[in-house]
Amino acid sequence: MMENGRGLQKHNVSTTLNYWDDPGDGSRPTPIFIGRGRITNERPHVAHNFVVTDISGDEDKYTLDGHGFQYIHHQSAEKEFTNEASIRTTYYKECEQLLKDVTGANRVHIFNHKVRRGPTQWHHLGLKNLANRGPVTKTHVDQSYAGGELRLRYEFPTEADELVKRRYQIINIWRPIEIILKDPIAVADSNSVPDADLVAADMTEDDFAGEQWVVRHNPQHCWFFKYRMTPQDVLLIKCFDSDPTVARRALHSAFEDLAHRDEVSRQSIEVRCIVCYDD
């Protein structure tokens, strides 16, 4: 344990993070397919050693536009996240207002959400593995720069030509359902990740053909997390920003903390949002 300037103990974690195994021949990464109750992900990855730094007590130092992620404190009326109708009404409304308050945006559109309660190796459960959706333990960004526009055009087919003329973002709202000990989520400072480390990769979910980033290993990547996140600790993860002058994306991945590897499976919810501005 270490201490920050406020005397709070830090729980920095020596661990491994899984990066795309680049074959070096210029070929695109293996596509991912999600649908019909299952996900097929056969992309090769290799584990690399990193220290993930605990930002507890220093949360206010990290911002969406400065680093690509931001931790905030927010109380939700939802507690169990087991009722889909309630998630899509009550919780979606909370998330829309939360992002408007944080970003100053005038419009927030939620296009899907993922509840995760499954085991670490849920991908290998075979047919219907999405019923046991668990943490994603591979470094990635949900949308590439081209993928951000693909998602915008898919969600707003009649408005997209006008919306792309103004700033828009894709931001994920990540919240624990129970205190997080096993398989916490790490985010990388955008400033430590050059575009040259990002590789576009196809990902099809149901009828949407999207594009995300996979990542080449670089020991200069700086990874962070908040230890023992509670349901009141919300992580905002920027996946895309049309503004090239700010942090445009944050790599993220679940990782193993050996101190808590035998805990019960992690429970979390992630809501994915398109954020639009007037100018």
C-alpha atoms as a PDB file:
ATOM      1  CA  MET A   1       0.000   0.000   0.000  1.00  0.00           C
ATOM      2  CA  MET A   2       1.071   3.597  -0.706  1.00  0.00           C
ATOM      3  CA  GLU A   3      -0.344   6.928   0.393  1.00  0.00           C
ATOM      4  CA  ASN A   4      -1.346   9.928  -1.644  1.00  0.00           C
ATOM      5  CA  GLY A   5      -0.932  13.539  -0.567  1.00  0.00           C
ATOM      6  CA  ARG A   6      -4.144  13.350   1.450  1.00  0.00           C
ATOM      7  CA  GLY A   7      -2.941  10.431   3.542  1.00  0.00           C
ATOM      8  CA  LEU A   8      -5.227   7.872   1.861  1.00  0.00           C
ATOM      9  CA  GLN A   9      -3.801   4.428   1.312  1.00  0.00           C
ATOM     10  CA  LYS A  10      -3.331   3.374  -2.295  1.00  0.00           C
ATOM     11  CA  HIS A  11      -3.995  -0.130  -3.563  1.00  0.00           C
ATOM     12  CA  ASN A  12      -1.803  -0.182  -6.675  1.00  0.00           C
ATOM     13  CA  VAL A  13      -1.912  -3.569  -8.430  1.00  0.00           C
ATOM     14  CA  SER A  14       0.844  -5.417 -10.283  1.00  0.00           C
ATOM     15  CA  THR A  15      -0.996  -7.454 -12.874  1.00  0.00           C
ATOM     16  CA  THR A  16      -1.166  -8.340 -16.569  1.00  0.00           C
ATOM     17  CA  LEU A  17      -3.249  -6.721 -19.300  1.00  0.00           C
ATOM     18  CA  ASN A  18      -4.118  -8.505 -22.528  1.00  0.00           C
ATOM     19  CA  TYR A  19      -3.102  -6.777 -25.760  1.00  0.00           C
ATOM     20  CA  TRP A  20      -3.859  -7.747 -29.336  1.00  0.00           C
ATOM     21  CA  ASP A  21      -1.281 -10.167 -30.720  1.00  0.00           C
ATOM     22  CA  ASP A  22      -0.340  -8.392 -33.950  1.00  0.00           C
ATOM     23  CA  PRO A  23       0.741 -10.984 -36.556  1.00  0.00           C
ATOM     24  CA  GLY A  24       2.816  -8.275 -38.239  1.00  0.00           C
ATOM     25  CA  ASP A  25       1.521  -8.957 -41.754  1.00  0.00           C
ATOM     26  CA  GLY A  26      -0.846  -5.991 -41.975  1.00  0.00           C
ATOM     27  CA  SER A  27      -3.988  -8.118 -41.784  1.00  0.00           C
ATOM     28  CA  ARG A  28      -7.045  -6.832 -39.915  1.00  0.00           C
ATOM     29  CA  PRO A  29      -7.820  -8.330 -36.510  1.00  0.00           C
ATOM     30  CA  THR A  30     -10.221 -11.262 -36.367  1.00  0.00           C
ATOM     31  CA  PRO A  31     -13.828  -9.963 -36.372  1.00  0.00           C
ATOM     32  CA  ILE A  32     -16.110 -10.301 -33.347  1.00  0.00           C
ATOM     33  CA  PHE A  33     -19.735 -11.396 -33.731  1.00  0.00           C
ATOM     34  CA  ILE A  34     -22.413 -10.797 -31.090  1.00  0.00           C
ATOM     35  CA  GLY A  35     -25.963 -12.043 -31.488  1.00  0.00           C
ATOM     36  CA  ARG A  36     -28.398 -14.930 -31.124  1.00  0.00           C
ATOM     37  CA  GLY A  37     -27.516 -15.240 -27.471  1.00  0.00           C
ATOM     38  CA  ARG A  38     -23.766 -15.587 -27.841  1.00  0.00           C
ATOM     39  CA  ILE A  39     -20.519 -13.782 -28.572  1.00  0.00           C
ATOM     40  CA  THR A  40     -17.738 -15.213 -30.723  1.00  0.00           C
ATOM     41  CA  ASN A  41     -14.352 -13.632 -30.036  1.00  0.00           C
ATOM     42  CA  GLU A  42     -11.326 -15.516 -31.337  1.00  0.00           C
ATOM     43  CA  ARG A  43      -8.864 -12.631 -31.543  1.00  0.00           C
ATOM     44  CA  PRO A  44      -5.433 -13.645 -30.237  1.00  0.00           C
ATOM     45  CA  HIS A  45      -4.139 -11.618 -27.293  1.00  0.00           C
ATOM     46  CA  VAL A  46      -0.939 -11.677 -25.240  1.00  0.00           C
ATOM     47  CA  ALA A  47      -0.600 -10.749 -21.559  1.00  0.00           C
ATOM     48  CA  HIS A  48       1.855  -7.980 -20.618  1.00  0.00           C
ATOM     49  CA  ASN A  49       2.937  -6.815 -17.174  1.00  0.00           C
ATOM     50  CA  PHE A  50       1.702  -3.470 -15.856  1.00  0.00           C
ATOM     51  CA  VAL A  51       1.106  -1.675 -12.583  1.00  0.00           C
ATOM     52  CA  VAL A  52      -2.425  -0.270 -12.411  1.00  0.00           C
ATOM     53  CA  THR A  53      -2.425   2.847 -10.212  1.00  0.00           C
ATOM     54  CA  ASP A  54      -5.188   3.410  -7.675  1.00  0.00           C
ATOM     55  CA  ILE A  55      -6.553   6.948  -8.057  1.00  0.00           C
ATOM     56  CA  SER A  56      -8.498   6.908  -4.758  1.00  0.00           C
ATOM     57  CA  GLY A  57      -8.380  10.382  -3.247  1.00  0.00           C
ATOM     58  CA  ASP A  58      -7.182  11.899  -6.517  1.00  0.00           C
ATOM     59  CA  GLU A  59     -10.318  11.391  -8.570  1.00  0.00           C
ATOM     60  CA  ASP A  60     -10.734  15.082  -9.345  1.00  0.00           C
ATOM     61  CA  LYS A  61      -7.394  15.147 -11.198  1.00  0.00           C
ATOM     62  CA  TYR A  62      -8.778  13.125 -14.110  1.00  0.00           C
ATOM     63  CA  THR A  63     -11.296  14.497 -16.604  1.00  0.00           C
ATOM     64  CA  LEU A  64     -13.029  13.377 -19.792  1.00  0.00           C
ATOM     65  CA  ASP A  65     -11.404  16.007 -21.991  1.00  0.00           C
ATOM     66  CA  GLY A  66      -8.041  15.867 -20.229  1.00  0.00           C
ATOM     67  CA  HIS A  67      -7.557  12.110 -19.911  1.00  0.00           C
ATOM     68  CA  GLY A  68     -10.528  10.358 -21.568  1.00  0.00           C
ATOM     69  CA  PHE A  69     -12.166   9.227 -18.340  1.00  0.00           C
ATOM     70  CA  GLN A  70     -13.680  10.709 -15.208  1.00  0.00           C
ATOM     71  CA  TYR A  71     -14.849   9.389 -11.838  1.00  0.00           C
ATOM     72  CA  ILE A  72     -17.906  10.951 -10.258  1.00  0.00           C
ATOM     73  CA  HIS A  73     -20.123  10.295  -7.239  1.00  0.00           C
ATOM     74  CA  HIS A  74     -23.771   9.630  -8.091  1.00  0.00           C
ATOM     75  CA  GLN A  75     -26.637   7.983  -6.238  1.00  0.00           C
ATOM     76  CA  SER A  76     -29.086   5.977  -8.357  1.00  0.00           C
ATOM     77  CA  ALA A  77     -32.661   5.066  -7.526  1.00  0.00           C
ATOM     78  CA  GLU A  78     -31.918   1.668  -9.055  1.00  0.00           C
ATOM     79  CA  LYS A  79     -30.272  -0.883  -6.768  1.00  0.00           C
ATOM     80  CA  GLU A  80     -30.594  -4.408  -8.212  1.00  0.00           C
ATOM     81  CA  PHE A  81     -30.621  -3.754 -11.983  1.00  0.00           C
ATOM     82  CA  THR A  82     -32.636  -6.898 -12.635  1.00  0.00           C
ATOM     83  CA  ASN A  83     -35.720  -5.312 -14.217  1.00  0.00           C
ATOM     84  CA  GLU A  84     -35.068  -4.434 -17.872  1.00  0.00           C
ATOM     85  CA  ALA A  85     -38.057  -2.107 -18.114  1.00  0.00           C
ATOM     86  CA  SER A  86     -36.932  -0.176 -15.048  1.00  0.00           C
ATOM     87  CA  ILE A  87     -33.374   0.097 -16.399  1.00  0.00           C
ATOM     88  CA  ARG A  88     -34.642   1.481 -19.706  1.00  0.00           C
ATOM     89  CA  THR A  89     -36.908   4.048 -18.052  1.00  0.00           C
ATOM     90  CA  THR A  90     -35.747   5.110 -14.596  1.00  0.00           C
ATOM     91  CA  TYR A  91     -32.024   4.445 -14.997  1.00  0.00           C
ATOM     92  CA  TYR A  92     -31.762   5.709 -18.567  1.00  0.00           C
ATOM     93  CA  LYS A  93     -33.322   9.024 -17.499  1.00  0.00           C
ATOM     94  CA  GLU A  94     -30.792   9.295 -14.662  1.00  0.00           C
ATOM     95  CA  CYS A  95     -27.926   8.615 -17.048  1.00  0.00           C
ATOM     96  CA  GLU A  96     -29.122  11.169 -19.593  1.00  0.00           C
ATOM     97  CA  GLN A  97     -29.327  13.880 -16.947  1.00  0.00           C
ATOM     98  CA  LEU A  98     -25.997  12.859 -15.423  1.00  0.00           C
ATOM     99  CA  LEU A  99     -24.149  13.317 -18.725  1.00  0.00           C
ATOM    100  CA  LYS A 100     -25.891  16.600 -19.464  1.00  0.00           C
ATOM    101  CA  ASP A 101     -24.825  17.885 -16.039  1.00  0.00           C
ATOM    102  CA  VAL A 102     -21.211  16.736 -16.414  1.00  0.00           C
ATOM    103  CA  THR A 103     -20.603  17.682 -20.054  1.00  0.00           C
ATOM    104  CA  GLY A 104     -23.010  20.554 -20.725  1.00  0.00           C
ATOM    105  CA  ALA A 105     -24.333  18.699 -23.775  1.00  0.00           C
ATOM    106  CA  ASN A 106     -27.860  19.437 -24.932  1.00  0.00           C
ATOM    107  CA  ARG A 107     -28.758  15.920 -26.079  1.00  0.00           C
ATOM    108  CA  VAL A 108     -27.959  12.417 -24.833  1.00  0.00           C
ATOM    109  CA  HIS A 109     -29.103   9.292 -26.665  1.00  0.00           C
ATOM    110  CA  ILE A 110     -28.628   5.877 -25.022  1.00  0.00           C
ATOM    111  CA  PHE A 111     -28.228   3.114 -27.580  1.00  0.00           C
ATOM    112  CA  ASN A 112     -27.701   0.066 -25.335  1.00  0.00           C
ATOM    113  CA  HIS A 113     -26.562  -1.224 -21.974  1.00  0.00           C
ATOM    114  CA  LYS A 114     -24.786  -4.309 -20.641  1.00  0.00           C
ATOM    115  CA  VAL A 115     -25.271  -5.880 -17.215  1.00  0.00           C
ATOM    116  CA  ARG A 116     -22.363  -8.112 -16.187  1.00  0.00           C
ATOM    117  CA  ARG A 117     -22.684 -10.758 -13.488  1.00  0.00           C
ATOM    118  CA  GLY A 118     -20.877 -13.706 -15.058  1.00  0.00           C
ATOM    119  CA  PRO A 119     -17.531 -15.387 -14.402  1.00  0.00           C
ATOM    120  CA  THR A 120     -14.173 -14.138 -15.669  1.00  0.00           C
ATOM    121  CA  GLN A 121     -13.953 -16.747 -18.464  1.00  0.00           C
ATOM    122  CA  TRP A 122     -17.559 -16.324 -19.646  1.00  0.00           C
ATOM    123  CA  HIS A 123     -16.542 -16.146 -23.334  1.00  0.00           C
ATOM    124  CA  HIS A 124     -15.746 -19.877 -23.218  1.00  0.00           C
ATOM    125  CA  LEU A 125     -19.169 -20.985 -21.990  1.00  0.00           C
ATOM    126  CA  GLY A 126     -20.354 -21.720 -25.517  1.00  0.00           C
ATOM    127  CA  LEU A 127     -23.914 -21.283 -26.749  1.00  0.00           C
ATOM    128  CA  LYS A 128     -25.906 -18.691 -24.802  1.00  0.00           C
ATOM    129  CA  ASN A 129     -22.768 -17.288 -23.165  1.00  0.00           C
ATOM    130  CA  LEU A 130     -24.362 -13.811 -23.241  1.00  0.00           C
ATOM    131  CA  ALA A 131     -26.730 -15.023 -20.522  1.00  0.00           C
ATOM    132  CA  ASN A 132     -23.632 -15.194 -18.302  1.00  0.00           C
ATOM    133  CA  ARG A 133     -21.964 -11.990 -19.507  1.00  0.00           C
ATOM    134  CA  GLY A 134     -18.912 -11.180 -17.411  1.00  0.00           C
ATOM    135  CA  PRO A 135     -15.928  -8.805 -17.493  1.00  0.00           C
ATOM    136  CA  VAL A 136     -14.021  -8.059 -20.698  1.00  0.00           C
ATOM    137  CA  THR A 137     -10.362  -8.823 -20.010  1.00  0.00           C
ATOM    138  CA  LYS A 138      -8.915  -7.532 -23.299  1.00  0.00           C
ATOM    139  CA  THR A 139      -7.691  -3.977 -23.853  1.00  0.00           C
ATOM    140  CA  HIS A 140      -9.941  -2.148 -26.295  1.00  0.00           C
ATOM    141  CA  VAL A 141     -11.969   0.943 -27.164  1.00  0.00           C
ATOM    142  CA  ASP A 142     -15.591   0.298 -28.131  1.00  0.00           C
ATOM    143  CA  GLN A 143     -15.508   2.557 -31.209  1.00  0.00           C
ATOM    144  CA  SER A 144     -12.737   3.577 -33.597  1.00  0.00           C
ATOM    145  CA  TYR A 145     -12.871   7.093 -35.047  1.00  0.00           C
ATOM    146  CA  ALA A 146     -14.683   5.709 -38.090  1.00  0.00           C
ATOM    147  CA  GLY A 147     -16.768   3.509 -35.795  1.00  0.00           C
ATOM    148  CA  GLY A 148     -18.019   6.537 -33.878  1.00  0.00           C
ATOM    149  CA  GLU A 149     -19.556   7.944 -37.038  1.00  0.00           C
ATOM    150  CA  LEU A 150     -20.925   4.526 -38.021  1.00  0.00           C
ATOM    151  CA  ARG A 151     -22.791   4.352 -34.714  1.00  0.00           C
ATOM    152  CA  LEU A 152     -24.079   7.929 -35.058  1.00  0.00           C
ATOM    153  CA  ARG A 153     -25.413   7.228 -38.536  1.00  0.00           C
ATOM    154  CA  TYR A 154     -27.008   3.965 -37.404  1.00  0.00           C
ATOM    155  CA  GLU A 155     -28.809   5.636 -34.490  1.00  0.00           C
ATOM    156  CA  PHE A 156     -29.771   8.840 -36.361  1.00  0.00           C
ATOM    157  CA  PRO A 157     -30.151   7.886 -40.039  1.00  0.00           C
ATOM    158  CA  THR A 158     -32.126  11.009 -40.969  1.00  0.00           C
ATOM    159  CA  GLU A 159     -30.190  13.505 -38.832  1.00  0.00           C
ATOM    160  CA  ALA A 160     -26.608  12.304 -39.112  1.00  0.00           C
ATOM    161  CA  ASP A 161     -25.577  14.577 -41.979  1.00  0.00           C
ATOM    162  CA  GLU A 162     -26.317  17.570 -39.752  1.00  0.00           C
ATOM    163  CA  LEU A 163     -25.092  16.063 -36.474  1.00  0.00           C
ATOM    164  CA  VAL A 164     -21.617  15.295 -37.860  1.00  0.00           C
ATOM    165  CA  LYS A 165     -21.128  19.029 -38.480  1.00  0.00           C
ATOM    166  CA  ARG A 166     -21.141  19.627 -34.716  1.00  0.00           C
ATOM    167  CA  ARG A 167     -19.300  18.025 -31.821  1.00  0.00           C
ATOM    168  CA  TYR A 168     -20.503  14.630 -30.673  1.00  0.00           C
ATOM    169  CA  GLN A 169     -19.123  11.942 -28.390  1.00  0.00           C
ATOM    170  CA  ILE A 170     -19.712   8.377 -27.294  1.00  0.00           C
ATOM    171  CA  ILE A 171     -19.413   7.973 -23.525  1.00  0.00           C
ATOM    172  CA  ASN A 172     -19.989   4.844 -21.450  1.00  0.00           C
ATOM    173  CA  ILE A 173     -21.401   5.166 -17.931  1.00  0.00           C
ATOM    174  CA  TRP A 174     -19.917   2.311 -15.876  1.00  0.00           C
ATOM    175  CA  ARG A 175     -21.346   1.589 -12.410  1.00  0.00           C
ATOM    176  CA  PRO A 176     -20.848  -1.216  -9.869  1.00  0.00           C
ATOM    177  CA  ILE A 177     -23.993  -3.029  -8.732  1.00  0.00           C
ATOM    178  CA  GLU A 178     -22.102  -4.332  -5.696  1.00  0.00           C
ATOM    179  CA  ILE A 179     -18.725  -3.230  -4.308  1.00  0.00           C
ATOM    180  CA  ILE A 180     -16.041  -4.191  -6.852  1.00  0.00           C
ATOM    181  CA  LEU A 181     -13.233  -6.424  -5.611  1.00  0.00           C
ATOM    182  CA  LYS A 182     -12.810  -9.139  -8.248  1.00  0.00           C
ATOM    183  CA  ASP A 183     -11.942  -8.150 -11.833  1.00  0.00           C
ATOM    184  CA  PRO A 184     -11.971  -4.346 -11.431  1.00  0.00           C
ATOM    185  CA  ILE A 185     -11.926  -2.117 -14.503  1.00  0.00           C
ATOM    186  CA  ALA A 186      -8.827  -0.179 -15.573  1.00  0.00           C
ATOM    187  CA  VAL A 187      -8.655   2.852 -17.880  1.00  0.00           C
ATOM    188  CA  ALA A 188      -5.612   4.268 -19.650  1.00  0.00           C
ATOM    189  CA  ASP A 189      -4.714   7.949 -19.783  1.00  0.00           C
ATOM    190  CA  SER A 190      -5.388   9.002 -23.385  1.00  0.00           C
ATOM    191  CA  ASN A 191      -2.219  11.109 -23.370  1.00  0.00           C
ATOM    192  CA  SER A 192      -0.097   7.976 -22.912  1.00  0.00           C
ATOM    193  CA  VAL A 193      -1.649   6.165 -25.890  1.00  0.00           C
ATOM    194  CA  PRO A 194      -0.678   7.439 -29.364  1.00  0.00           C
ATOM    195  CA  ASP A 195      -2.991   6.757 -32.287  1.00  0.00           C
ATOM    196  CA  ALA A 196      -0.251   4.564 -33.785  1.00  0.00           C
ATOM    197  CA  ASP A 197      -0.973   1.957 -31.082  1.00  0.00           C
ATOM    198  CA  LEU A 198      -4.626   1.625 -32.155  1.00  0.00           C
ATOM    199  CA  VAL A 199      -5.782  -0.818 -34.830  1.00  0.00           C
ATOM    200  CA  ALA A 200      -9.289  -0.786 -36.345  1.00  0.00           C
ATOM    201  CA  ALA A 201     -11.209  -4.042 -35.905  1.00  0.00           C
ATOM    202  CA  ASP A 202     -14.647  -5.188 -37.058  1.00  0.00           C
ATOM    203  CA  MET A 203     -17.346  -5.967 -34.493  1.00  0.00           C
ATOM    204  CA  THR A 204     -20.879  -6.912 -35.551  1.00  0.00           C
ATOM    205  CA  GLU A 205     -23.669  -6.875 -32.965  1.00  0.00           C
ATOM    206  CA  ASP A 206     -27.008  -8.158 -34.206  1.00  0.00           C
ATOM    207  CA  ASP A 207     -27.606  -6.078 -37.380  1.00  0.00           C
ATOM    208  CA  PHE A 208     -25.060  -3.332 -36.647  1.00  0.00           C
ATOM    209  CA  ALA A 209     -21.669  -3.616 -38.352  1.00  0.00           C
ATOM    210  CA  GLY A 210     -19.369  -1.461 -36.247  1.00  0.00           C
ATOM    211  CA  GLU A 211     -15.658  -0.837 -35.851  1.00  0.00           C
ATOM    212  CA  GLN A 212     -13.642  -0.642 -32.625  1.00  0.00           C
ATOM    213  CA  TRP A 213     -10.008  -0.259 -31.624  1.00  0.00           C
ATOM    214  CA  VAL A 214      -7.769  -3.106 -30.543  1.00  0.00           C
ATOM    215  CA  VAL A 215      -4.404  -2.149 -29.124  1.00  0.00           C
ATOM    216  CA  ARG A 216      -0.750  -2.905 -29.744  1.00  0.00           C
ATOM    217  CA  HIS A 217       1.309  -3.269 -26.577  1.00  0.00           C
ATOM    218  CA  ASN A 218       3.286  -0.237 -25.462  1.00  0.00           C
ATOM    219  CA  PRO A 219       4.947  -0.189 -22.022  1.00  0.00           C
ATOM    220  CA  GLN A 220       4.385   3.593 -21.876  1.00  0.00           C
ATOM    221  CA  HIS A 221       0.630   3.193 -21.482  1.00  0.00           C
ATOM    222  CA  CYS A 222      -0.452   4.504 -18.056  1.00  0.00           C
ATOM    223  CA  TRP A 223      -3.273   2.544 -16.429  1.00  0.00           C
ATOM    224  CA  PHE A 224      -5.536   3.614 -13.546  1.00  0.00           C
ATOM    225  CA  PHE A 225      -8.444   2.317 -11.460  1.00  0.00           C
ATOM    226  CA  LYS A 226     -10.332   3.101  -8.288  1.00  0.00           C
ATOM    227  CA  TYR A 227     -10.082   0.460  -5.575  1.00  0.00           C
ATOM    228  CA  ARG A 228     -13.294  -0.860  -3.999  1.00  0.00           C
ATOM    229  CA  MET A 229     -15.684   1.052  -6.228  1.00  0.00           C
ATOM    230  CA  THR A 230     -19.167   1.203  -4.711  1.00  0.00           C
ATOM    231  CA  PRO A 231     -22.541   1.587  -6.485  1.00  0.00           C
ATOM    232  CA  GLN A 232     -22.182   5.341  -5.865  1.00  0.00           C
ATOM    233  CA  ASP A 233     -18.842   5.460  -7.737  1.00  0.00           C
ATOM    234  CA  VAL A 234     -19.472   6.028 -11.438  1.00  0.00           C
ATOM    235  CA  LEU A 235     -16.786   5.853 -14.113  1.00  0.00           C
ATOM    236  CA  LEU A 236     -17.316   7.788 -17.341  1.00  0.00           C
ATOM    237  CA  ILE A 237     -15.316   6.280 -20.212  1.00  0.00           C
ATOM    238  CA  LYS A 238     -14.958   8.298 -23.398  1.00  0.00           C
ATOM    239  CA  CYS A 239     -14.908   5.983 -26.408  1.00  0.00           C
ATOM    240  CA  PHE A 240     -15.098   8.648 -29.103  1.00  0.00           C
ATOM    241  CA  ASP A 241     -14.946  12.417 -29.502  1.00  0.00           C
ATOM    242  CA  SER A 242     -15.208  14.277 -32.811  1.00  0.00           C
ATOM    243  CA  ASP A 243     -13.115  17.119 -31.339  1.00  0.00           C
ATOM    244  CA  PRO A 244      -9.445  16.380 -32.159  1.00  0.00           C
ATOM    245  CA  THR A 245      -8.120  18.952 -29.648  1.00  0.00           C
ATOM    246  CA  VAL A 246      -9.075  16.959 -26.515  1.00  0.00           C
ATOM    247  CA  ALA A 247      -8.641  13.415 -25.220  1.00  0.00           C
ATOM    248  CA  ARG A 248     -10.616  11.404 -27.767  1.00  0.00           C
ATOM    249  CA  ARG A 249     -10.704   7.879 -26.291  1.00  0.00           C
ATOM    250  CA  ALA A 250      -9.716   5.805 -23.284  1.00  0.00           C
ATOM    251  CA  LEU A 251      -8.513   2.224 -23.492  1.00  0.00           C
ATOM    252  CA  HIS A 252     -10.171   0.054 -20.881  1.00  0.00           C
ATOM    253  CA  SER A 253     -10.128  -3.512 -19.660  1.00  0.00           C
ATOM    254  CA  ALA A 254     -10.970  -5.618 -16.648  1.00  0.00           C
ATOM    255  CA  PHE A 255      -7.914  -7.032 -14.889  1.00  0.00           C
ATOM    256  CA  GLU A 256      -7.074  -9.521 -12.177  1.00  0.00           C
ATOM    257  CA  ASP A 257      -6.198  -8.376  -8.662  1.00  0.00           C
ATOM    258  CA  LEU A 258      -4.602 -11.450  -7.072  1.00  0.00           C
ATOM    259  CA  ALA A 259      -5.641 -10.221  -3.633  1.00  0.00           C
ATOM    260  CA  HIS A 260      -9.290 -10.752  -4.620  1.00  0.00           C
ATOM    261  CA  ARG A 261      -9.214 -13.471  -7.270  1.00  0.00           C
ATOM    262  CA  ASP A 262     -11.368 -15.831  -5.139  1.00  0.00           C
ATOM    263  CA  GLU A 263     -14.175 -13.320  -4.566  1.00  0.00           C
ATOM    264  CA  VAL A 264     -17.612 -13.745  -6.113  1.00  0.00           C
ATOM    265  CA  SER A 265     -18.066 -12.630  -9.718  1.00  0.00           C
ATOM    266  CA  ARG A 266     -18.168  -8.904 -10.360  1.00  0.00           C
ATOM    267  CA  GLN A 267     -21.529  -7.187 -10.855  1.00  0.00           C
ATOM    268  CA  SER A 268     -21.704  -4.019 -12.947  1.00  0.00           C
ATOM    269  CA  ILE A 269     -23.778  -2.147 -15.513  1.00  0.00           C
ATOM    270  CA  GLU A 270     -22.494  -0.142 -18.458  1.00  0.00           C
ATOM    271  CA  VAL A 271     -24.726   2.278 -20.377  1.00  0.00           C
ATOM    272  CA  ARG A 272     -23.546   3.466 -23.794  1.00  0.00           C
ATOM    273  CA  CYS A 273     -24.478   6.977 -24.877  1.00  0.00           C
ATOM    274  CA  ILE A 274     -24.165   9.303 -27.851  1.00  0.00           C
ATOM    275  CA  VAL A 275     -23.667  12.852 -26.582  1.00  0.00           C
ATOM    276  CA  CYS A 276     -24.506  15.767 -28.901  1.00  0.00           C
ATOM    277  CA  TYR A 277     -23.757  19.479 -28.667  1.00  0.00           C
ATOM    278  CA  ASP A 278     -25.288  22.568 -30.210  1.00  0.00           C
ATOM    279  CA  ASP A 279     -21.917  23.717 -31.567  1.00  0.00           C
END
